[in-house]
């Protein structure tokens, strides 16, 4: 049973199947640095939730990984982004971080740990060429992506 929500005075009550949903999934990265398109996985979670309009919050609980929105039509775009990042933040420099992955921490901080995408009519609202990417900067590893879906 959903939650009963009263609309404007001249409308009937609406029912949401769920007002919010928290879930997560894991993925296995295969390279030190890579960008993995997770848009279809997110779209499936939105569909399963039954939420028609609201927000999809994607959060990466890792300090050497990130999430971003960028072009998915041309596979060279993620490659170029990663190549430029390697020039801006080289793997080896005079970093003082003892683990040897300081560059990964810096890259993750530049991109950020979360993105929010609107949900409209049960679908993610993304531009024609846009996709949501999980960004690995210290792989290969098994990673977790947390997703919060909220109606409203």
Protein backbone atom coordinates (compact mmCIF):
# COMPACT_ATOMS: atom_id res chain seq x y z
CA UNK A 1 0.00 0.00 0.00
CA UNK A 2 1.31 3.40 -0.90
CA UNK A 3 1.20 6.67 0.99
CA UNK A 4 -1.89 8.78 0.53
CA UNK A 5 -1.04 12.34 -0.54
CA UNK A 6 -3.66 15.04 -1.02
CA UNK A 7 -3.20 17.16 -4.14
CA UNK A 8 -4.76 20.57 -4.79
CA UNK A 9 -8.33 21.10 -3.47
CA UNK A 10 -9.89 20.12 -6.80
CA UNK A 11 -7.98 16.84 -7.24
CA UNK A 12 -8.29 13.41 -5.76
CA UNK A 13 -5.71 11.73 -3.56
CA UNK A 14 -2.68 10.23 -5.26
CA UNK A 15 -0.82 7.13 -4.10
CA UNK A 16 2.93 6.66 -4.33
CA UNK A 17 4.08 3.06 -4.38
CA UNK A 18 7.18 4.20 -2.53
CA UNK A 19 8.22 7.64 -1.43
CA UNK A 20 11.87 6.73 -1.20
CA UNK A 21 14.13 3.81 -1.86
CA UNK A 22 17.72 3.26 -0.80
CA UNK A 23 19.71 0.59 -2.56
CA UNK A 24 23.20 -0.19 -3.75
CA UNK A 25 25.03 -2.34 -6.24
CA UNK A 26 28.60 -3.50 -6.69
CA UNK A 27 30.77 -3.42 -9.74
CA UNK A 28 34.20 -4.78 -10.49
CA UNK A 29 36.59 -2.41 -12.19
CA UNK A 30 39.28 -3.80 -14.46
CA UNK A 31 41.83 -0.99 -14.84
CA UNK A 32 43.68 1.53 -12.69
CA UNK A 33 41.64 4.34 -14.21
CA UNK A 34 38.39 3.88 -16.11
CA UNK A 35 34.93 5.34 -16.56
CA UNK A 36 32.05 2.86 -16.51
CA UNK A 37 28.60 3.85 -17.82
CA UNK A 38 26.10 2.94 -15.07
CA UNK A 39 23.09 4.69 -16.61
CA UNK A 40 21.19 1.51 -17.53
CA UNK A 41 21.62 0.08 -14.02
CA UNK A 42 20.25 3.30 -12.55
CA UNK A 43 17.35 3.36 -15.02
CA UNK A 44 16.43 -0.20 -14.02
CA UNK A 45 16.42 0.78 -10.33
CA UNK A 46 14.15 3.75 -11.09
CA UNK A 47 11.77 1.49 -13.00
CA UNK A 48 11.72 -1.13 -10.23
CA UNK A 49 11.00 1.55 -7.61
CA UNK A 50 7.79 2.72 -9.27
CA UNK A 51 8.74 6.35 -8.63
CA UNK A 52 7.33 8.48 -11.43
CA UNK A 53 8.78 11.91 -10.55
CA UNK A 54 11.54 12.82 -8.15
CA UNK A 55 15.28 12.52 -7.75
CA UNK A 56 17.93 9.86 -8.15
CA UNK A 57 20.94 10.49 -5.92
CA UNK A 58 24.04 8.46 -6.84
CA UNK A 59 26.75 8.29 -4.18
CA UNK A 60 30.15 6.57 -4.28
CA UNK A 61 31.41 5.75 -0.74
CA UNK A 62 35.06 5.60 -1.77
CA UNK A 63 37.87 8.16 -1.56
CA UNK A 64 39.57 7.06 -4.79
CA UNK A 65 36.48 6.78 -7.00
CA UNK A 66 33.84 9.24 -8.16
CA UNK A 67 30.69 9.69 -10.21
CA UNK A 68 30.11 12.14 -13.05
CA UNK A 69 27.73 12.90 -15.92
CA UNK A 70 29.20 13.25 -19.39
CA UNK A 71 28.89 12.13 -23.00
CA UNK A 72 28.36 8.45 -23.78
CA UNK A 73 27.83 8.61 -27.57
CA UNK A 74 31.54 8.76 -28.41
CA UNK A 75 33.74 6.26 -26.50
CA UNK A 76 36.71 8.57 -27.03
CA UNK A 77 35.25 11.16 -24.63
CA UNK A 78 35.91 9.12 -21.45
CA UNK A 79 39.36 8.19 -22.81
CA UNK A 80 40.20 11.84 -23.42
CA UNK A 81 38.96 12.84 -19.96
CA UNK A 82 41.15 10.18 -18.34
CA UNK A 83 44.17 11.15 -20.47
CA UNK A 84 43.83 14.83 -19.54
CA UNK A 85 43.43 13.92 -15.87
CA UNK A 86 46.66 11.90 -16.05
CA UNK A 87 48.46 14.98 -17.38
CA UNK A 88 46.96 17.29 -14.77
CA UNK A 89 47.41 14.84 -11.87
CA UNK A 90 50.25 12.42 -12.72
CA UNK A 91 50.43 9.05 -11.00
CA UNK A 92 53.96 9.67 -9.76
CA UNK A 93 54.92 13.00 -8.26
CA UNK A 94 56.27 14.15 -4.93
CA UNK A 95 53.07 13.26 -3.09
CA UNK A 96 53.48 12.61 0.63
CA UNK A 97 50.68 10.03 0.88
CA UNK A 98 52.31 6.76 1.97
CA UNK A 99 49.92 4.40 0.13
CA UNK A 100 51.05 5.62 -3.29
CA UNK A 101 47.56 6.49 -4.51
CA UNK A 102 47.50 10.23 -3.83
CA UNK A 103 46.71 10.94 -7.50
CA UNK A 104 43.56 8.83 -7.19
CA UNK A 105 42.42 10.81 -4.15
CA UNK A 106 42.97 14.10 -5.99
CA UNK A 107 41.10 12.94 -9.11
CA UNK A 108 38.17 11.68 -7.03
CA UNK A 109 38.01 15.03 -5.24
CA UNK A 110 37.95 16.91 -8.55
CA UNK A 111 34.95 14.89 -9.76
CA UNK A 112 33.05 14.41 -6.50
CA UNK A 113 31.33 11.55 -4.73
CA UNK A 114 27.74 12.20 -5.83
CA UNK A 115 25.42 13.29 -8.62
CA UNK A 116 21.69 13.95 -8.62
CA UNK A 117 19.53 13.22 -11.66
CA UNK A 118 15.87 14.20 -11.91
CA UNK A 119 13.25 11.51 -12.51
CA UNK A 120 10.34 12.47 -14.75
CA UNK A 121 7.59 10.08 -15.91
CA UNK A 122 9.56 7.16 -14.49
CA UNK A 123 12.73 7.94 -16.45
CA UNK A 124 16.05 9.59 -15.69
CA UNK A 125 16.22 13.12 -17.10
CA UNK A 126 19.48 13.25 -19.04
CA UNK A 127 20.48 15.14 -22.15
CA UNK A 128 20.66 13.39 -25.50
CA UNK A 129 24.34 12.53 -25.17
CA UNK A 130 24.56 12.26 -21.39
CA UNK A 131 25.24 9.23 -19.24
CA UNK A 132 26.15 8.65 -15.61
CA UNK A 133 29.66 7.28 -15.18
CA UNK A 134 31.33 5.55 -12.26
CA UNK A 135 34.92 6.77 -12.27
CA UNK A 136 37.65 4.44 -11.01
CA UNK A 137 40.98 6.06 -10.17
CA UNK A 138 42.66 3.31 -8.09
CA UNK A 139 41.65 0.01 -9.61
CA UNK A 140 41.08 -2.67 -10.30
CA UNK A 141 38.77 -3.12 -7.31
CA UNK A 142 35.30 -4.20 -6.30
CA UNK A 143 33.31 -1.03 -5.65
CA UNK A 144 29.90 -0.12 -4.28
CA UNK A 145 27.50 2.49 -5.67
CA UNK A 146 24.72 3.70 -3.39
CA UNK A 147 21.47 5.00 -4.89
CA UNK A 148 18.75 7.01 -3.19
CA UNK A 149 15.46 7.43 -5.05
CA UNK A 150 12.98 9.99 -3.74
CA UNK A 151 9.50 10.82 -5.01
CA UNK A 152 8.38 14.38 -5.13
